[in-house]
Amino acid sequence: MSSFEESLKRLEKIVEQMERGDLPLEESIRLFEEGMSLSAVCKEHLDQAEGKVQILMKQRDGSMKAEPFPPQK
Protein backbone atom coordinates (compact mmCIF):
# COMPACT_ATOMS: atom_id res chain seq x y z
CA MET A 1 0.00 0.00 0.00
CA SER A 2 1.24 3.49 -0.82
CA SER A 3 1.80 6.04 1.87
CA PHE A 4 -0.77 8.76 2.40
CA GLU A 5 1.62 11.35 0.99
CA GLU A 6 2.34 9.31 -2.16
CA SER A 7 -1.35 8.67 -2.77
CA LEU A 8 -2.26 12.32 -2.23
CA LYS A 9 0.54 13.53 -4.53
CA ARG A 10 -0.61 11.17 -7.32
CA LEU A 11 -4.23 12.23 -6.78
CA GLU A 12 -3.22 15.88 -7.12
CA LYS A 13 -1.36 15.07 -10.35
CA ILE A 14 -4.47 13.34 -11.74
CA VAL A 15 -6.63 16.35 -10.90
CA GLU A 16 -4.15 18.64 -12.70
CA GLN A 17 -4.22 16.41 -15.79
CA MET A 18 -8.00 16.23 -15.86
CA GLU A 19 -8.45 19.97 -15.31
CA ARG A 20 -6.46 20.69 -18.48
CA GLY A 21 -9.32 19.12 -20.42
CA ASP A 22 -7.15 17.88 -23.29
CA LEU A 23 -7.29 14.14 -22.57
CA PRO A 24 -9.09 11.59 -24.72
CA LEU A 25 -12.26 10.21 -23.13
CA GLU A 26 -10.74 6.78 -22.44
CA GLU A 27 -7.75 8.33 -20.64
CA SER A 28 -10.06 10.60 -18.63
CA ILE A 29 -12.10 7.60 -17.50
CA ARG A 30 -8.96 5.64 -16.58
CA LEU A 31 -7.61 8.57 -14.57
CA PHE A 32 -10.98 9.09 -12.91
CA GLU A 33 -11.06 5.44 -11.81
CA GLU A 34 -7.48 5.69 -10.50
CA GLY A 35 -8.37 8.91 -8.69
CA MET A 36 -11.38 7.31 -7.01
CA SER A 37 -9.21 4.42 -5.86
CA LEU A 38 -6.56 6.79 -4.51
CA SER A 39 -9.25 8.81 -2.76
CA ALA A 40 -10.39 5.65 -0.96
CA VAL A 41 -6.78 4.86 0.02
CA CYS A 42 -6.34 8.38 1.44
CA LYS A 43 -9.60 8.10 3.38
CA GLU A 44 -8.48 4.75 4.82
CA HIS A 45 -5.18 6.29 5.95
CA LEU A 46 -7.01 9.19 7.58
CA ASP A 47 -9.48 6.87 9.31
CA GLN A 48 -6.60 4.80 10.70
CA ALA A 49 -4.79 7.91 11.90
CA GLU A 50 -7.92 9.25 13.57
CA GLY A 51 -8.30 5.95 15.40
CA LYS A 52 -4.79 6.34 16.82
CA VAL A 53 -5.10 9.94 17.92
CA GLN A 54 -5.45 10.44 21.63
CA ILE A 55 -5.88 13.56 23.66
CA LEU A 56 -4.10 13.88 26.97
CA MET A 57 -6.48 15.36 29.49
CA LYS A 58 -5.04 17.00 32.57
CA GLN A 59 -6.68 15.60 35.69
CA ARG A 60 -7.47 17.63 38.77
CA ASP A 61 -4.51 16.09 40.59
CA GLY A 62 -2.14 17.21 37.80
CA SER A 63 -1.71 13.77 36.26
CA MET A 64 -2.34 13.10 32.60
CA LYS A 65 -4.89 10.61 31.31
CA ALA A 66 -5.15 9.37 27.71
CA GLU A 67 -8.66 9.65 26.28
CA PRO A 68 -9.95 8.55 22.87
CA PHE A 69 -10.40 11.10 20.11
CA PRO A 70 -12.88 12.61 19.73
CA PRO A 71 -13.63 12.91 23.45
CA GLN A 72 -16.70 10.99 24.46
CA LYS A 73 -19.36 13.10 26.16
PDB file of N, CA and C in Angstrom:
ATOM      1  N   MET A   1       0.843  -1.177   0.000  1.00  0.00           N
ATOM      2  CA  MET A   1       0.000   0.000   0.000  1.00  0.00           C
ATOM      3  C   MET A   1       0.888   1.241   0.000  1.00  0.00           C
ATOM      4  N   SER A   2       0.507   2.233  -0.756  1.00  0.00           N
ATOM      5  CA  SER A   2       1.239   3.491  -0.818  1.00  0.00           C
ATOM      6  C   SER A   2       1.032   4.281   0.463  1.00  0.00           C
ATOM      7  N   SER A   3       1.968   5.162   0.725  1.00  0.00           N
ATOM      8  CA  SER A   3       1.796   6.040   1.871  1.00  0.00           C
ATOM      9  C   SER A   3       0.723   7.079   1.548  1.00  0.00           C
ATOM     10  N   PHE A   4       0.233   7.714   2.581  1.00  0.00           N
ATOM     11  CA  PHE A   4      -0.769   8.763   2.397  1.00  0.00           C
ATOM     12  C   PHE A   4      -0.216   9.858   1.490  1.00  0.00           C
ATOM     13  N   GLU A   5       1.013  10.267   1.755  1.00  0.00           N
ATOM     14  CA  GLU A   5       1.619  11.349   0.990  1.00  0.00           C
ATOM     15  C   GLU A   5       1.770  10.994  -0.485  1.00  0.00           C
ATOM     16  N   GLU A   6       2.199   9.753  -0.765  1.00  0.00           N
ATOM     17  CA  GLU A   6       2.342   9.307  -2.158  1.00  0.00           C
ATOM     18  C   GLU A   6       0.996   9.283  -2.861  1.00  0.00           C
ATOM     19  N   SER A   7      -0.010   8.755  -2.179  1.00  0.00           N
ATOM     20  CA  SER A   7      -1.352   8.672  -2.766  1.00  0.00           C
ATOM     21  C   SER A   7      -1.911  10.062  -3.030  1.00  0.00           C
ATOM     22  N   LEU A   8      -1.748  10.963  -2.078  1.00  0.00           N
ATOM     23  CA  LEU A   8      -2.257  12.320  -2.231  1.00  0.00           C
ATOM     24  C   LEU A   8      -1.544  13.057  -3.363  1.00  0.00           C
ATOM     25  N   LYS A   9      -0.234  12.876  -3.456  1.00  0.00           N
ATOM     26  CA  LYS A   9       0.541  13.526  -4.528  1.00  0.00           C
ATOM     27  C   LYS A   9       0.074  13.034  -5.902  1.00  0.00           C
ATOM     28  N   ARG A  10      -0.140  11.729  -6.038  1.00  0.00           N
ATOM     29  CA  ARG A  10      -0.611  11.170  -7.316  1.00  0.00           C
ATOM     30  C   ARG A  10      -2.023  11.671  -7.619  1.00  0.00           C
ATOM     31  N   LEU A  11      -2.865  11.735  -6.596  1.00  0.00           N
ATOM     32  CA  LEU A  11      -4.229  12.226  -6.781  1.00  0.00           C
ATOM     33  C   LEU A  11      -4.215  13.682  -7.260  1.00  0.00           C
ATOM     34  N   GLU A  12      -3.345  14.491  -6.685  1.00  0.00           N
ATOM     35  CA  GLU A  12      -3.216  15.884  -7.121  1.00  0.00           C
ATOM     36  C   GLU A  12      -2.764  15.967  -8.576  1.00  0.00           C
ATOM     37  N   LYS A  13      -1.849  15.093  -8.963  1.00  0.00           N
ATOM     38  CA  LYS A  13      -1.363  15.067 -10.349  1.00  0.00           C
ATOM     39  C   LYS A  13      -2.505  14.709 -11.314  1.00  0.00           C
ATOM     40  N   ILE A  14      -3.326  13.743 -10.913  1.00  0.00           N
ATOM     41  CA  ILE A  14      -4.468  13.337 -11.740  1.00  0.00           C
ATOM     42  C   ILE A  14      -5.436  14.504 -11.912  1.00  0.00           C
ATOM     43  N   VAL A  15      -5.719  15.204 -10.826  1.00  0.00           N
ATOM     44  CA  VAL A  15      -6.628  16.354 -10.902  1.00  0.00           C
ATOM     45  C   VAL A  15      -6.079  17.395 -11.866  1.00  0.00           C
ATOM     46  N   GLU A  16      -4.778  17.671 -11.780  1.00  0.00           N
ATOM     47  CA  GLU A  16      -4.153  18.636 -12.701  1.00  0.00           C
ATOM     48  C   GLU A  16      -4.338  18.200 -14.151  1.00  0.00           C
ATOM     49  N   GLN A  17      -4.094  16.924 -14.423  1.00  0.00           N
ATOM     50  CA  GLN A  17      -4.219  16.413 -15.793  1.00  0.00           C
ATOM     51  C   GLN A  17      -5.649  16.539 -16.293  1.00  0.00           C
ATOM     52  N   MET A  18      -6.601  16.200 -15.444  1.00  0.00           N
ATOM     53  CA  MET A  18      -8.004  16.225 -15.863  1.00  0.00           C
ATOM     54  C   MET A  18      -8.516  17.648 -16.026  1.00  0.00           C
ATOM     55  N   GLU A  19      -8.011  18.577 -15.215  1.00  0.00           N
ATOM     56  CA  GLU A  19      -8.450  19.971 -15.309  1.00  0.00           C
ATOM     57  C   GLU A  19      -7.998  20.624 -16.613  1.00  0.00           C
ATOM     58  N   ARG A  20      -6.922  20.129 -17.203  1.00  0.00           N
ATOM     59  CA  ARG A  20      -6.461  20.690 -18.480  1.00  0.00           C
ATOM     60  C   ARG A  20      -7.506  20.476 -19.568  1.00  0.00           C
ATOM     61  N   GLY A  21      -8.245  19.374 -19.472  1.00  0.00           N
ATOM     62  CA  GLY A  21      -9.323  19.122 -20.422  1.00  0.00           C
ATOM     63  C   GLY A  21      -8.885  18.676 -21.794  1.00  0.00           C
ATOM     64  N   ASP A  22      -7.631  18.254 -21.969  1.00  0.00           N
ATOM     65  CA  ASP A  22      -7.152  17.878 -23.294  1.00  0.00           C
ATOM     66  C   ASP A  22      -6.930  16.369 -23.442  1.00  0.00           C
ATOM     67  N   LEU A  23      -7.486  15.588 -22.527  1.00  0.00           N
ATOM     68  CA  LEU A  23      -7.288  14.135 -22.566  1.00  0.00           C
ATOM     69  C   LEU A  23      -8.389  13.457 -23.380  1.00  0.00           C
ATOM     70  N   PRO A  24      -8.053  12.382 -24.058  1.00  0.00           N
ATOM     71  CA  PRO A  24      -9.090  11.591 -24.716  1.00  0.00           C
ATOM     72  C   PRO A  24     -10.032  11.002 -23.651  1.00  0.00           C
ATOM     73  N   LEU A  25     -11.246  10.714 -24.048  1.00  0.00           N
ATOM     74  CA  LEU A  25     -12.256  10.206 -23.128  1.00  0.00           C
ATOM     75  C   LEU A  25     -11.779   8.970 -22.374  1.00  0.00           C
ATOM     76  N   GLU A  26     -11.182   8.018 -23.079  1.00  0.00           N
ATOM     77  CA  GLU A  26     -10.735   6.775 -22.445  1.00  0.00           C
ATOM     78  C   GLU A  26      -9.697   7.049 -21.349  1.00  0.00           C
ATOM     79  N   GLU A  27      -8.775   7.970 -21.619  1.00  0.00           N
ATOM     80  CA  GLU A  27      -7.754   8.330 -20.638  1.00  0.00           C
ATOM     81  C   GLU A  27      -8.385   9.049 -19.445  1.00  0.00           C
ATOM     82  N   SER A  28      -9.354   9.907 -19.713  1.00  0.00           N
ATOM     83  CA  SER A  28     -10.059  10.600 -18.635  1.00  0.00           C
ATOM     84  C   SER A  28     -10.760   9.608 -17.715  1.00  0.00           C
ATOM     85  N   ILE A  29     -11.390   8.613 -18.297  1.00  0.00           N
ATOM     86  CA  ILE A  29     -12.095   7.598 -17.496  1.00  0.00           C
ATOM     87  C   ILE A  29     -11.094   6.788 -16.679  1.00  0.00           C
ATOM     88  N   ARG A  30      -9.979   6.406 -17.295  1.00  0.00           N
ATOM     89  CA  ARG A  30      -8.960   5.642 -16.577  1.00  0.00           C
ATOM     90  C   ARG A  30      -8.414   6.446 -15.396  1.00  0.00           C
ATOM     91  N   LEU A  31      -8.120   7.722 -15.632  1.00  0.00           N
ATOM     92  CA  LEU A  31      -7.607   8.572 -14.565  1.00  0.00           C
ATOM     93  C   LEU A  31      -8.655   8.794 -13.476  1.00  0.00           C
ATOM     94  N   PHE A  32      -9.911   8.931 -13.886  1.00  0.00           N
ATOM     95  CA  PHE A  32     -10.984   9.093 -12.907  1.00  0.00           C
ATOM     96  C   PHE A  32     -11.068   7.861 -11.998  1.00  0.00           C
ATOM     97  N   GLU A  33     -11.014   6.684 -12.596  1.00  0.00           N
ATOM     98  CA  GLU A  33     -11.056   5.442 -11.808  1.00  0.00           C
ATOM     99  C   GLU A  33      -9.864   5.356 -10.865  1.00  0.00           C
ATOM    100  N   GLU A  34      -8.671   5.709 -11.352  1.00  0.00           N
ATOM    101  CA  GLU A  34      -7.481   5.690 -10.502  1.00  0.00           C
ATOM    102  C   GLU A  34      -7.630   6.703  -9.365  1.00  0.00           C
ATOM    103  N   GLY A  35      -8.159   7.877  -9.701  1.00  0.00           N
ATOM    104  CA  GLY A  35      -8.368   8.910  -8.685  1.00  0.00           C
ATOM    105  C   GLY A  35      -9.339   8.476  -7.602  1.00  0.00           C
ATOM    106  N   MET A  36     -10.410   7.806  -7.988  1.00  0.00           N
ATOM    107  CA  MET A  36     -11.385   7.313  -7.008  1.00  0.00           C
ATOM    108  C   MET A  36     -10.741   6.279  -6.094  1.00  0.00           C
ATOM    109  N   SER A  37      -9.915   5.424  -6.656  1.00  0.00           N
ATOM    110  CA  SER A  37      -9.213   4.418  -5.862  1.00  0.00           C
ATOM    111  C   SER A  37      -8.241   5.086  -4.887  1.00  0.00           C
ATOM    112  N   LEU A  38      -7.496   6.067  -5.373  1.00  0.00           N
ATOM    113  CA  LEU A  38      -6.558   6.793  -4.511  1.00  0.00           C
ATOM    114  C   LEU A  38      -7.287   7.556  -3.417  1.00  0.00           C
ATOM    115  N   SER A  39      -8.449   8.102  -3.747  1.00  0.00           N
ATOM    116  CA  SER A  39      -9.255   8.807  -2.755  1.00  0.00           C
ATOM    117  C   SER A  39      -9.654   7.860  -1.625  1.00  0.00           C
ATOM    118  N   ALA A  40     -10.030   6.644  -1.972  1.00  0.00           N
ATOM    119  CA  ALA A  40     -10.390   5.647  -0.964  1.00  0.00           C
ATOM    120  C   ALA A  40      -9.189   5.278  -0.101  1.00  0.00           C
ATOM    121  N   VAL A  41      -8.012   5.162  -0.721  1.00  0.00           N
ATOM    122  CA  VAL A  41      -6.784   4.859   0.021  1.00  0.00           C
ATOM    123  C   VAL A  41      -6.485   5.982   1.010  1.00  0.00           C
ATOM    124  N   CYS A  42      -6.597   7.239   0.559  1.00  0.00           N
ATOM    125  CA  CYS A  42      -6.337   8.379   1.442  1.00  0.00           C
ATOM    126  C   CYS A  42      -7.328   8.395   2.604  1.00  0.00           C
ATOM    127  N   LYS A  43      -8.593   8.123   2.321  1.00  0.00           N
ATOM    128  CA  LYS A  43      -9.600   8.096   3.384  1.00  0.00           C
ATOM    129  C   LYS A  43      -9.275   7.003   4.394  1.00  0.00           C
ATOM    130  N   GLU A  44      -8.843   5.850   3.923  1.00  0.00           N
ATOM    131  CA  GLU A  44      -8.476   4.754   4.821  1.00  0.00           C
ATOM    132  C   GLU A  44      -7.314   5.165   5.728  1.00  0.00           C
ATOM    133  N   HIS A  45      -6.314   5.817   5.147  1.00  0.00           N
ATOM    134  CA  HIS A  45      -5.177   6.290   5.946  1.00  0.00           C
ATOM    135  C   HIS A  45      -5.647   7.277   7.012  1.00  0.00           C
ATOM    136  N   LEU A  46      -6.526   8.206   6.626  1.00  0.00           N
ATOM    137  CA  LEU A  46      -7.013   9.195   7.576  1.00  0.00           C
ATOM    138  C   LEU A  46      -7.847   8.549   8.676  1.00  0.00           C
ATOM    139  N   ASP A  47      -8.677   7.579   8.316  1.00  0.00           N
ATOM    140  CA  ASP A  47      -9.479   6.869   9.311  1.00  0.00           C
ATOM    141  C   ASP A  47      -8.591   6.136  10.314  1.00  0.00           C
ATOM    142  N   GLN A  48      -7.531   5.507   9.805  1.00  0.00           N
ATOM    143  CA  GLN A  48      -6.601   4.802  10.696  1.00  0.00           C
ATOM    144  C   GLN A  48      -5.885   5.780  11.622  1.00  0.00           C
ATOM    145  N   ALA A  49      -5.481   6.918  11.084  1.00  0.00           N
ATOM    146  CA  ALA A  49      -4.792   7.914  11.897  1.00  0.00           C
ATOM    147  C   ALA A  49      -5.723   8.465  12.976  1.00  0.00           C
ATOM    148  N   GLU A  50      -6.957   8.724  12.607  1.00  0.00           N
ATOM    149  CA  GLU A  50      -7.918   9.245  13.570  1.00  0.00           C
ATOM    150  C   GLU A  50      -8.136   8.254  14.712  1.00  0.00           C
ATOM    151  N   GLY A  51      -8.137   6.969  14.381  1.00  0.00           N
ATOM    152  CA  GLY A  51      -8.302   5.946  15.403  1.00  0.00           C
ATOM    153  C   GLY A  51      -7.139   5.896  16.379  1.00  0.00           C
ATOM    154  N   LYS A  52      -5.975   6.383  15.979  1.00  0.00           N
ATOM    155  CA  LYS A  52      -4.789   6.335  16.823  1.00  0.00           C
ATOM    156  C   LYS A  52      -4.604   7.606  17.658  1.00  0.00           C
ATOM    157  N   VAL A  53      -5.282   8.671  17.242  1.00  0.00           N
ATOM    158  CA  VAL A  53      -5.097   9.944  17.924  1.00  0.00           C
ATOM    159  C   VAL A  53      -5.689   9.874  19.329  1.00  0.00           C
ATOM    160  N   GLN A  54      -4.939  10.360  20.260  1.00  0.00           N
ATOM    161  CA  GLN A  54      -5.446  10.440  21.626  1.00  0.00           C
ATOM    162  C   GLN A  54      -5.162  11.828  22.166  1.00  0.00           C
ATOM    163  N   ILE A  55      -6.055  12.269  23.010  1.00  0.00           N
ATOM    164  CA  ILE A  55      -5.876  13.561  23.658  1.00  0.00           C
ATOM    165  C   ILE A  55      -5.500  13.307  25.110  1.00  0.00           C
ATOM    166  N   LEU A  56      -4.472  13.989  25.556  1.00  0.00           N
ATOM    167  CA  LEU A  56      -4.099  13.884  26.967  1.00  0.00           C
ATOM    168  C   LEU A  56      -4.884  14.938  27.740  1.00  0.00           C
ATOM    169  N   MET A  57      -5.658  14.471  28.683  1.00  0.00           N
ATOM    170  CA  MET A  57      -6.483  15.364  29.492  1.00  0.00           C
ATOM    171  C   MET A  57      -5.853  15.517  30.874  1.00  0.00           C
ATOM    172  N   LYS A  58      -5.636  16.752  31.266  1.00  0.00           N
ATOM    173  CA  LYS A  58      -5.045  17.000  32.572  1.00  0.00           C
ATOM    174  C   LYS A  58      -6.109  16.769  33.644  1.00  0.00           C
ATOM    175  N   GLN A  59      -5.770  15.923  34.596  1.00  0.00           N
ATOM    176  CA  GLN A  59      -6.676  15.597  35.693  1.00  0.00           C
ATOM    177  C   GLN A  59      -6.539  16.645  36.801  1.00  0.00           C
ATOM    178  N   ARG A  60      -7.501  16.663  37.666  1.00  0.00           N
ATOM    179  CA  ARG A  60      -7.468  17.633  38.768  1.00  0.00           C
ATOM    180  C   ARG A  60      -6.217  17.506  39.616  1.00  0.00           C
ATOM    181  N   ASP A  61      -5.699  16.293  39.759  1.00  0.00           N
ATOM    182  CA  ASP A  61      -4.509  16.094  40.589  1.00  0.00           C
ATOM    183  C   ASP A  61      -3.213  16.389  39.829  1.00  0.00           C
ATOM    184  N   GLY A  62      -3.316  16.864  38.581  1.00  0.00           N
ATOM    185  CA  GLY A  62      -2.142  17.213  37.799  1.00  0.00           C
ATOM    186  C   GLY A  62      -1.624  16.087  36.914  1.00  0.00           C
ATOM    187  N   SER A  63      -2.150  14.887  37.099  1.00  0.00           N
ATOM    188  CA  SER A  63      -1.713  13.774  36.264  1.00  0.00           C
ATOM    189  C   SER A  63      -2.362  13.863  34.886  1.00  0.00           C
ATOM    190  N   MET A  64      -1.810  13.118  33.962  1.00  0.00           N
ATOM    191  CA  MET A  64      -2.339  13.100  32.598  1.00  0.00           C
ATOM    192  C   MET A  64      -3.039  11.772  32.351  1.00  0.00           C
ATOM    193  N   LYS A  65      -4.139  11.810  31.620  1.00  0.00           N
ATOM    194  CA  LYS A  65      -4.891  10.607  31.307  1.00  0.00           C
ATOM    195  C   LYS A  65      -5.190  10.609  29.805  1.00  0.00           C
ATOM    196  N   ALA A  66      -4.866   9.490  29.140  1.00  0.00           N
ATOM    197  CA  ALA A  66      -5.149   9.368  27.711  1.00  0.00           C
ATOM    198  C   ALA A  66      -6.630   9.094  27.515  1.00  0.00           C
ATOM    199  N   GLU A  67      -7.243   9.834  26.591  1.00  0.00           N
ATOM    200  CA  GLU A  67      -8.663   9.647  26.281  1.00  0.00           C
ATOM    201  C   GLU A  67      -8.786   9.477  24.770  1.00  0.00           C
ATOM    202  N   PRO A  68      -9.776   8.735  24.317  1.00  0.00           N
ATOM    203  CA  PRO A  68      -9.950   8.554  22.871  1.00  0.00           C
ATOM    204  C   PRO A  68     -10.345   9.868  22.189  1.00  0.00           C
ATOM    205  N   PHE A  69     -10.022   9.949  20.911  1.00  0.00           N
ATOM    206  CA  PHE A  69     -10.400  11.102  20.114  1.00  0.00           C
ATOM    207  C   PHE A  69     -11.471  10.681  19.143  1.00  0.00           C
ATOM    208  N   PRO A  70     -12.533  11.414  18.997  1.00  0.00           N
ATOM    209  CA  PRO A  70     -12.879  12.609  19.734  1.00  0.00           C
ATOM    210  C   PRO A  70     -13.339  12.255  21.144  1.00  0.00           C
ATOM    211  N   PRO A  71     -13.228  13.201  22.076  1.00  0.00           N
ATOM    212  CA  PRO A  71     -13.626  12.910  23.451  1.00  0.00           C
ATOM    213  C   PRO A  71     -15.079  12.469  23.516  1.00  0.00           C
ATOM    214  N   GLN A  72     -15.335  11.465  24.279  1.00  0.00           N
ATOM    215  CA  GLN A  72     -16.704  10.985  24.460  1.00  0.00           C
ATOM    216  C   GLN A  72     -17.389  11.840  25.498  1.00  0.00           C
ATOM    217  N   LYS A  73     -18.629  12.209  25.242  1.00  0.00           N
ATOM    218  CA  LYS A  73     -19.356  13.100  26.164  1.00  0.00           C
ATOM    219  C   LYS A  73     -20.341  12.343  26.981  1.00  0.00           C
TER     220      LYS A  73
END
